[in-house]
Protein backbone atom coordinates (compact mmCIF):
# COMPACT_ATOMS: atom_id res chain seq x y z
CA MET A 1 -1.89 85.39 250.83
CA LEU A 2 -5.40 86.88 250.51
CA HIS A 3 -5.63 83.86 253.65
CA LYS A 4 -3.47 86.36 255.41
CA ILE A 5 -5.16 89.81 255.12
CA PRO A 6 -7.88 90.24 258.16
CA HIS A 7 -11.88 90.07 257.00
CA GLN A 8 -13.00 93.39 257.52
CA PHE A 9 -9.73 94.65 255.15
CA HIS A 10 -11.50 92.08 252.19
CA ALA A 11 -14.29 94.35 253.12
CA VAL A 12 -13.10 97.38 252.43
CA PHE A 13 -11.77 96.55 249.44
CA LEU A 14 -14.90 94.97 248.00
CA LEU A 15 -16.42 98.51 248.65
CA TRP A 16 -14.08 99.99 247.03
CA CYS A 17 -14.48 97.66 244.07
CA ILE A 18 -18.36 98.90 243.88
CA TYR A 19 -17.22 102.14 244.42
CA ILE A 20 -15.03 102.70 241.14
CA LEU A 21 -17.03 100.75 238.92
CA PRO A 22 -19.04 102.82 237.35
CA PHE A 23 -16.06 105.00 236.77
CA ALA A 24 -13.95 102.45 234.95
CA LEU A 25 -16.61 101.77 232.59
CA GLY A 26 -17.57 105.89 231.83
CA ALA A 27 -13.58 105.90 231.12
CA GLN A 28 -14.02 103.21 228.38
CA GLU A 29 -16.98 104.48 226.51
CA LYS A 30 -15.55 106.36 222.97
CA PRO A 31 -17.40 109.49 221.91
CA GLU A 32 -19.47 108.65 218.43
CA THR A 33 -18.20 110.20 215.56
CA LYS A 34 -20.35 111.93 212.99
CA VAL A 35 -19.63 112.17 209.66
CA GLU A 36 -21.44 114.61 207.59
CA SER A 37 -22.32 113.82 203.78
CA ASN A 38 -22.77 116.03 200.48
CA SER A 39 -22.37 115.31 196.62
CA ASN A 40 -19.18 115.68 195.63
CA THR A 41 -16.91 114.16 198.45
CA THR A 42 -17.51 111.92 201.58
CA ALA A 43 -14.86 112.62 204.24
CA PRO A 44 -14.35 111.93 207.95
CA THR A 45 -15.19 114.52 210.41
CA ASN A 46 -13.53 115.45 213.72
CA PRO A 47 -15.71 114.72 217.04
CA GLN A 48 -17.46 116.60 217.78
CA THR A 49 -16.88 117.91 221.40
CA THR A 50 -19.45 117.02 223.85
CA PRO A 51 -21.20 120.50 224.84
CA ALA A 52 -20.78 121.57 228.75
CA PRO A 53 -23.55 120.87 231.08
CA PRO A 54 -25.23 124.44 232.21
CA VAL A 55 -24.30 125.94 235.05
CA VAL A 56 -26.70 125.29 237.29
CA ALA A 57 -27.51 127.99 240.67
CA PRO A 58 -26.97 125.81 243.81
CA PRO A 59 -30.47 126.50 245.35
CA GLU A 60 -30.62 128.84 247.97
CA ASN A 61 -29.86 127.90 251.67
CA LYS A 62 -32.48 128.93 253.02
CA SER A 63 -32.20 128.99 257.10
CA ASN A 64 -35.22 127.70 259.24
CA TRP A 65 -34.11 129.24 262.48
CA GLU A 66 -34.20 132.90 263.17
CA THR A 67 -32.67 134.57 265.77
CA GLY A 68 -32.76 138.25 268.17
CA LEU A 69 -33.79 140.57 270.19
CA GLY A 70 -37.35 140.28 271.16
CA LYS A 71 -37.71 137.60 269.19
CA GLY A 72 -35.68 134.76 270.67
CA ILE A 73 -34.37 131.53 268.84
CA LYS A 74 -37.08 130.85 266.60
CA ALA A 75 -37.50 127.78 264.46
CA THR A 76 -40.11 126.80 261.27
CA SER A 77 -40.37 123.31 259.43
CA ASN A 78 -39.53 122.76 255.86
CA ASP A 79 -43.16 123.36 254.84
CA SER A 80 -43.80 125.95 257.10
CA LYS A 81 -46.40 124.40 258.71
CA HIS A 82 -45.39 124.37 262.06
CA ASN A 83 -42.78 126.72 264.12
CA ILE A 84 -41.53 126.95 267.88
CA GLN A 85 -39.86 130.33 269.93
CA LEU A 86 -37.81 129.80 272.48
CA ARG A 87 -37.23 133.11 274.62
CA PHE A 88 -35.47 134.71 277.54
CA ARG A 89 -36.80 136.82 280.03
CA SER A 90 -34.62 138.53 283.13
CA GLN A 91 -35.48 141.54 285.96
CA ILE A 92 -32.50 142.63 287.83
CA GLN A 93 -32.93 144.86 290.11
CA GLY A 94 -31.86 147.26 293.40
CA ASN A 95 -34.18 149.02 295.90
CA GLN A 96 -33.98 150.72 298.79
CA SER A 97 -36.78 151.75 301.36
CA PHE A 98 -36.87 154.95 303.88
CA GLN A 99 -38.86 154.42 306.68
CA LEU A 100 -39.65 156.98 309.71
CA ASP A 101 -37.20 154.93 312.10
CA PRO A 102 -33.84 154.82 310.08
CA SER A 103 -33.20 151.05 311.43
CA GLN A 104 -36.06 149.88 309.95
CA ASP A 105 -34.62 151.49 306.30
CA THR A 106 -33.66 148.26 303.79
CA THR A 107 -31.67 148.12 300.65
CA ASN A 108 -32.71 145.00 298.76
CA PHE A 109 -30.36 143.38 295.37
CA LEU A 110 -32.50 140.75 293.76
CA VAL A 111 -33.04 139.48 290.60
CA ARG A 112 -36.90 140.34 290.24
CA ARG A 113 -38.13 138.23 287.64
CA THR A 114 -36.48 135.24 285.60
CA ARG A 115 -38.65 133.61 282.97
CA LEU A 116 -38.69 131.02 279.68
CA GLN A 117 -41.06 130.65 277.67
CA LEU A 118 -41.66 127.92 274.80
CA LYS A 119 -43.88 129.16 272.07
CA ALA A 120 -45.49 126.94 269.15
CA GLY A 121 -48.12 127.14 266.48
CA LEU A 122 -48.58 123.87 264.78
CA PHE A 123 -50.27 123.32 261.50
CA ASN A 124 -50.37 127.07 260.43
CA ASP A 125 -51.11 128.41 264.34
CA THR A 126 -54.16 126.59 263.91
CA TRP A 127 -53.11 125.56 267.21
CA LEU A 128 -50.83 127.32 270.10
CA VAL A 129 -49.01 125.73 273.00
CA ASN A 130 -47.51 128.01 275.36
CA LEU A 131 -45.00 126.94 278.46
CA GLN A 132 -43.40 129.40 281.12
CA MET A 133 -41.19 128.61 283.65
CA GLY A 134 -40.35 131.44 286.13
CA PHE A 135 -37.03 130.80 288.20
CA ALA A 136 -36.53 134.20 290.34
CA GLU A 137 -37.31 134.10 294.23
CA ARG A 138 -40.49 135.55 293.57
CA ASP A 139 -41.42 133.64 291.04
CA MET A 140 -42.42 131.26 292.74
CA GLU A 141 -45.48 131.23 295.90
CA SER A 142 -43.97 130.41 299.50
CA GLN A 143 -45.89 127.64 300.04
CA ARG A 144 -45.46 125.91 296.80
CA ARG A 145 -41.91 125.56 295.17
CA ASN A 146 -43.30 125.02 292.06
CA SER A 147 -41.26 127.27 289.26
CA LEU A 148 -44.34 126.19 286.46
CA ARG A 149 -46.46 128.91 285.80
CA ASP A 150 -47.61 128.99 282.27
CA ALA A 151 -48.70 124.93 280.15
CA ASN A 152 -51.43 125.64 278.34
CA ILE A 153 -52.73 125.01 274.55
CA VAL A 154 -54.96 127.06 272.20
CA TYR A 155 -57.49 125.65 269.08
CA ASN A 156 -57.29 128.72 267.04
CA GLN A 157 -59.03 128.00 264.00
CA TYR A 158 -62.28 130.75 264.38
CA ARG A 159 -62.26 134.44 264.33
CA ASP A 160 -64.53 134.49 266.91
CA VAL A 161 -64.30 131.27 268.66
CA LYS A 162 -61.56 130.31 270.16
CA VAL A 163 -60.62 128.04 273.19
CA ALA A 164 -57.76 127.72 275.68
CA PHE A 165 -57.53 125.24 278.07
CA GLY A 166 -54.36 124.65 280.59
CA GLN A 167 -52.95 126.52 283.91
CA MET A 168 -52.75 130.49 282.28
CA LYS A 169 -53.65 133.91 283.37
CA VAL A 170 -57.53 134.09 284.29
CA PRO A 171 -58.68 137.11 282.40
CA PHE A 172 -59.68 139.15 284.50
CA SER A 173 -58.12 142.19 285.01
CA ARG A 174 -56.56 144.42 282.83
CA GLN A 175 -53.08 145.35 284.14
CA ARG A 176 -52.47 141.33 285.43
CA TRP A 177 -53.67 140.70 282.47
CA ASN A 178 -50.66 142.32 280.55
CA SER A 179 -47.15 141.02 280.72
CA SER A 180 -45.19 142.24 283.95
CA GLY A 181 -42.63 142.90 281.01
CA ALA A 182 -44.64 145.29 279.17
CA LEU A 183 -45.34 148.10 282.17
CA GLN A 184 -44.41 151.52 282.53
CA THR A 185 -43.10 150.84 285.58
CA VAL A 186 -40.88 148.77 287.74
CA ASP A 187 -44.30 146.90 289.03
CA ARG A 188 -47.36 146.64 288.65
CA SER A 189 -49.72 148.81 291.92
CA SER A 190 -50.47 147.72 294.52
CA VAL A 191 -54.08 148.12 294.15
CA THR A 192 -53.51 145.16 291.35
CA ALA A 193 -51.05 142.64 293.59
CA GLU A 194 -54.11 143.25 296.55
CA PHE A 195 -57.55 142.31 293.89
CA ASN A 196 -56.13 140.23 290.68
CA LEU A 197 -57.08 137.02 290.14
CA ASP A 198 -53.11 135.67 288.75
CA ARG A 199 -53.43 132.12 287.18
CA ASP A 200 -55.59 129.39 287.36
CA VAL A 201 -55.92 125.62 285.42
CA GLY A 202 -59.33 125.94 283.09
CA THR A 203 -60.51 126.58 280.37
CA TYR A 204 -61.84 129.41 278.15
CA LEU A 205 -64.17 130.47 275.01
CA PHE A 206 -62.73 133.75 273.80
CA SER A 207 -62.64 136.40 270.91
CA GLU A 208 -60.16 139.10 270.41
CA ASP A 209 -61.96 140.30 267.42
CA LEU A 210 -65.63 139.46 267.83
CA LEU A 211 -67.29 139.80 263.77
CA GLY A 212 -64.04 141.22 262.44
CA ASN A 213 -65.13 144.97 263.03
CA LYS A 214 -61.09 145.62 263.49
CA ARG A 215 -60.61 144.71 266.88
CA MET A 216 -63.83 146.57 268.23
CA PHE A 217 -65.16 143.59 270.60
CA ALA A 218 -63.68 140.97 272.31
CA TYR A 219 -65.03 138.48 275.07
CA TYR A 220 -63.59 135.35 277.36
CA LEU A 221 -65.85 133.28 279.31
CA GLY A 222 -64.17 131.03 281.31
CA VAL A 223 -64.21 128.21 284.34
CA PHE A 224 -61.48 127.55 286.53
CA GLY A 225 -61.02 125.34 289.61
CA GLY A 226 -60.73 128.69 291.87
CA GLN A 227 -57.35 127.39 293.75
CA GLY A 228 -54.67 129.02 292.08
CA ARG A 229 -51.63 127.49 289.47
CA ASN A 230 -50.13 124.56 290.73
CA ARG A 231 -52.81 123.29 292.38
CA VAL A 232 -53.74 118.91 292.32
CA GLU A 233 -54.87 118.07 295.49
CA ARG A 234 -59.01 117.19 295.43
CA GLN A 235 -60.72 120.21 296.84
CA THR A 236 -64.34 120.91 298.51
CA PRO A 237 -66.40 120.83 295.22
CA GLY A 238 -66.92 124.68 293.75
CA VAL A 239 -65.17 126.34 290.70
CA LEU A 240 -64.63 129.95 289.38
CA THR A 241 -66.39 131.25 286.94
CA VAL A 242 -65.10 134.17 284.87
CA ALA A 243 -66.64 136.88 282.56
CA ARG A 244 -64.91 140.05 280.37
CA PHE A 245 -65.79 142.06 277.35
CA VAL A 246 -63.77 144.76 275.96
CA PHE A 247 -65.41 147.37 274.27
CA SER A 248 -62.65 149.77 271.89
CA PRO A 249 -64.84 152.11 269.52
CA PHE A 250 -62.52 153.42 267.22
CA GLY A 251 -61.32 149.56 266.40
CA GLY A 252 -58.86 147.55 268.38
CA MET A 253 -54.72 148.10 269.27
CA SER A 254 -52.37 146.33 267.20
CA LYS A 255 -51.18 142.92 268.28
CA THR A 256 -47.44 143.60 267.13
CA GLY A 257 -44.75 145.67 268.03
CA SER A 258 -42.95 144.74 271.49
CA ASP A 259 -44.47 142.17 273.02
CA ASN A 260 -48.03 142.49 271.64
CA ASP A 261 -48.56 146.31 272.07
CA TRP A 262 -51.93 145.70 272.70
CA LEU A 263 -51.27 144.75 276.13
CA SER A 264 -48.33 147.15 276.22
CA GLU A 265 -48.93 149.91 278.66
CA THR A 266 -46.52 152.03 276.48
CA ASP A 267 -47.42 153.89 273.46
CA PHE A 268 -44.97 152.71 271.10
CA ALA A 269 -46.95 152.33 268.04
CA ARG A 270 -47.80 156.60 268.83
CA TYR A 271 -51.06 156.11 267.23
CA LYS A 272 -52.24 159.05 264.81
CA GLU A 273 -55.40 158.36 265.60
CA PRO A 274 -56.72 157.69 269.40
CA LYS A 275 -57.13 154.46 271.05
CA LEU A 276 -59.78 153.50 273.51
CA SER A 277 -60.20 150.02 275.24
CA ILE A 278 -63.07 150.29 277.72
CA GLY A 279 -63.25 146.82 279.73
CA VAL A 280 -65.89 144.87 282.04
CA SER A 281 -65.07 141.80 284.74
CA GLY A 282 -67.01 139.52 286.62
CA ALA A 283 -66.19 136.33 288.43
CA TYR A 284 -67.30 134.39 291.91
CA ASN A 285 -65.27 131.67 293.24
CA LYS A 286 -67.14 129.26 295.16
CA ASN A 287 -64.79 127.58 297.93
CA SER A 288 -62.27 129.46 297.93
CA ASP A 289 -59.57 128.15 300.26
CA ARG A 290 -56.92 131.08 300.02
CA SER A 291 -56.70 134.59 301.19
CA LEU A 292 -57.17 136.45 297.97
CA SER A 293 -59.63 134.30 296.68
CA THR A 294 -57.03 131.94 293.88
CA HIS A 295 -53.54 133.43 295.57
CA GLY A 296 -52.87 134.36 299.00
CA THR A 297 -52.62 132.66 302.04
CA GLU A 298 -54.37 128.84 302.48
CA PHE A 299 -56.59 128.59 304.85
CA THR A 300 -56.52 125.94 307.40
CA PHE A 301 -60.03 124.89 307.65
CA ALA A 302 -62.07 128.38 306.12
CA LYS A 303 -63.74 128.72 303.05
CA PHE A 304 -65.44 131.40 301.40
CA ASN A 305 -67.43 132.12 298.59
CA TYR A 306 -66.05 135.47 296.67
CA SER A 307 -67.65 137.67 294.28
CA HIS A 308 -65.52 139.62 292.28
CA ALA A 309 -66.06 142.71 289.67
CA ALA A 310 -63.37 144.69 287.51
CA GLY A 311 -63.28 147.90 285.01
CA ASP A 312 -61.14 149.57 283.26
CA ILE A 313 -60.27 152.20 280.53
CA TYR A 314 -57.10 152.51 278.09
CA PHE A 315 -56.08 155.38 276.20
CA LYS A 316 -53.16 156.21 273.73
CA TRP A 317 -52.70 158.06 271.23
CA MET A 318 -49.15 160.07 269.75
CA GLY A 319 -46.88 158.92 272.62
CA PHE A 320 -49.37 159.38 275.09
CA SER A 321 -51.10 156.49 277.41
CA PHE A 322 -53.68 156.55 280.11
CA GLN A 323 -55.41 153.76 281.80
CA TYR A 324 -57.85 153.39 284.83
CA GLU A 325 -59.11 150.57 286.76
CA TRP A 326 -61.37 150.00 289.51
CA LEU A 327 -61.18 146.30 290.72
CA TRP A 328 -63.92 144.82 293.86
CA ARG A 329 -63.78 141.51 295.50
CA ARG A 330 -66.29 140.68 298.56
CA ALA A 331 -66.98 137.49 300.61
CA ASN A 332 -70.03 135.68 301.95
CA THR A 333 -68.70 135.98 305.17
CA ALA A 334 -66.45 137.94 306.97
CA TYR A 335 -64.79 134.71 308.66
CA VAL A 336 -64.49 131.40 309.95
CA GLU A 337 -64.56 129.82 313.77
CA ARG A 338 -63.58 126.50 314.56
CA THR A 339 -61.81 124.98 318.10
CA VAL A 340 -59.01 123.67 317.49
CA GLY A 341 -57.56 121.47 320.41
CA THR A 342 -58.73 123.94 323.65
CA ALA A 343 -59.14 126.88 321.60
CA LEU A 344 -61.64 129.21 319.07
CA SER A 345 -59.66 129.75 316.25
CA ARG A 346 -60.67 132.15 313.65
CA GLU A 347 -59.87 132.56 309.94
CA TYR A 348 -61.07 135.85 308.33
CA SER A 349 -61.73 136.69 304.67
CA ARG A 350 -61.07 139.63 302.46
CA SER A 351 -63.42 142.54 300.98
CA GLY A 352 -62.41 145.46 299.42
CA GLN A 353 -62.24 147.77 296.73
CA GLY A 354 -59.29 150.13 294.57
CA HIS A 355 -58.58 152.36 291.95
CA PHE A 356 -55.37 153.66 290.36
CA VAL A 357 -54.87 156.22 287.29
CA GLN A 358 -51.83 156.01 285.94
CA PHE A 359 -50.96 158.29 282.88
CA GLY A 360 -47.19 158.68 280.78
CA TYR A 361 -45.44 160.16 277.83
CA LEU A 362 -42.75 158.74 275.44
CA PHE A 363 -40.64 161.24 274.39
CA ILE A 364 -39.40 160.42 270.72
CA ASN A 365 -35.39 160.32 272.67
CA ASN A 366 -37.42 157.12 274.15
CA TYR A 367 -37.39 158.37 277.02
CA GLU A 368 -40.90 158.07 279.50
CA LEU A 369 -42.16 159.49 282.33
CA THR A 370 -45.84 158.04 283.78
CA PHE A 371 -47.71 159.17 287.02
CA ARG A 372 -49.73 156.80 289.31
CA PHE A 373 -52.32 157.55 291.86
CA GLY A 374 -53.76 154.23 293.83
CA GLU A 375 -55.87 153.58 296.92
CA PHE A 376 -57.55 150.50 298.13
CA ARG A 377 -59.89 150.38 301.18
CA PRO A 378 -61.48 147.14 302.95
CA LEU A 379 -65.07 146.88 302.82
CA GLY A 380 -67.27 145.92 305.75
CA GLU A 381 -66.37 143.42 308.22
CA THR A 382 -62.97 142.11 306.90
CA ASP A 383 -59.64 141.32 308.13
CA PRO A 384 -58.22 143.39 310.75
CA SER A 385 -55.26 143.66 308.75
CA LEU A 386 -56.49 144.99 305.67
CA LYS A 387 -56.60 148.25 305.96
CA TYR A 388 -56.83 151.87 304.02
CA SER A 389 -53.64 151.95 301.57
CA ARG A 390 -52.91 154.23 299.23
CA GLU A 391 -49.36 154.76 296.55
CA VAL A 392 -47.97 157.77 294.62
CA GLY A 393 -45.57 158.18 292.97
CA GLY A 394 -43.50 157.81 289.36
CA ALA A 395 -41.62 156.62 287.45
CA LEU A 396 -38.65 157.91 284.42
CA SER A 397 -38.18 154.89 281.64
CA TYR A 398 -35.52 154.39 278.95
CA TYR A 399 -36.21 152.33 275.88
CA PHE A 400 -32.89 150.92 274.00
CA ALA A 401 -35.28 148.50 272.26
CA GLU A 402 -38.83 148.96 273.70
CA HIS A 403 -39.82 146.38 276.34
CA ASN A 404 -36.96 143.74 275.01
CA LEU A 405 -34.53 146.49 276.25
CA LYS A 406 -34.64 149.09 279.05
CA TRP A 407 -33.54 150.62 282.12
CA GLN A 408 -36.40 151.64 284.53
CA THR A 409 -36.28 153.61 287.50
CA ASP A 410 -39.46 154.72 289.90
CA TYR A 411 -40.41 156.28 293.39
CA PHE A 412 -43.56 155.59 295.59
CA TYR A 413 -44.84 156.91 298.72
CA TYR A 414 -46.98 154.09 300.20
CA THR A 415 -49.24 154.58 303.33
CA GLY A 416 -51.48 152.55 305.05
CA THR A 417 -50.72 148.85 304.95
CA PRO A 418 -49.34 146.84 307.78
CA THR A 419 -45.65 147.23 306.74
CA ALA A 420 -45.77 151.01 305.62
CA ALA A 421 -48.21 152.09 308.46
CA GLU A 422 -46.05 155.26 308.71
CA GLY A 423 -45.46 155.69 305.18
CA ASP A 424 -43.04 153.95 303.42
CA HIS A 425 -40.94 155.12 300.85
CA VAL A 426 -39.22 153.43 298.37
CA VAL A 427 -37.09 153.75 295.54
CA ARG A 428 -36.69 150.93 292.63
CA THR A 429 -34.41 150.50 289.61
CA GLN A 430 -34.22 147.83 287.26
CA ILE A 431 -32.63 146.61 283.85
CA GLN A 432 -34.69 144.40 282.11
CA VAL A 433 -33.41 142.20 279.20
CA PHE A 434 -36.34 140.25 276.80
CA TYR A 435 -33.90 137.87 274.37
């Protein structure tokens, strides 16, 4: 009859026999009988019961995963040498502008920023990997619809000399270096928007705790392509060189806390001792083909050599925070002319300087009040559209979970810019979640 059974059942039957064989053999074994003897009698004894094996607690099921608001989703390898973290951030904003001519008023609702960030630490954080994508309309440049913002690797082995390479923020101006998710107002100053160096592709050496003296000294020395992020075309020879030095006489601010307290404008740590940071920066960008050096409008034919300088002061103590920043940019020439067809065309550089001051206080009920004043002006002959501009305003913030979940509303009065030459009142409200 076996020849009538399909072959697959033969295989199943064979495997089943192999599986139960050890149990069948174990059942045939008989326990040994121990016999005790003495001088008087010899009698068989009852077989001793085999002692029950000790109860062993199951190993602790320690998860290699953790998740939560402000942490994202983080996984660690079994040997704890490697980790990877995925975080998501979004800012939902509504804004209203009021001008002298009511017909020019605007109302807007938008997703201001939406970011997806992946971080990894390899070999006990000897190597750090950072990847960030931006998917909102304003996360991408109008001339290059590319969502990539950061893609870089840091060699983190030595305290006094670390190296970063890839696409990343240029270490130049302090407020731009801070995360847009760690601000005291809805957005950065208009001074920062005009004079910052944004992101670029390159490398820099740095240390945030030079000589190991409580983070008192920090430095950054870098070389970048000078054309900004997501540029792959061959360019006229010329690079961006940058240097930045930071001195913190009372010791540096903590690198822990909400999105790294050192890069947060708000004093969540409520330092019982004052914390002061003084920074100076310089940069030179040769053969830039963009209006704002590393970002802004791309020129058709003009190229300029831009010199940059910046200085900043940051102070935090007992919930109070203060910052002042000065920025300066000068081009080697005011404009370049070229005959295009039969007409003479001219492209202008943008030379100017500006500064802003900002201070705030975080109350114990997690409300914060912030005030900011800023202004910038052109230097010499330059782009006619670059005019004296000023901003005055303040913000009210409520932190549900520090910067990870917050609601901010601010008001600013802008004057001088081409879009607000007669004065522009702007009210913005925004909620941010940073998982």
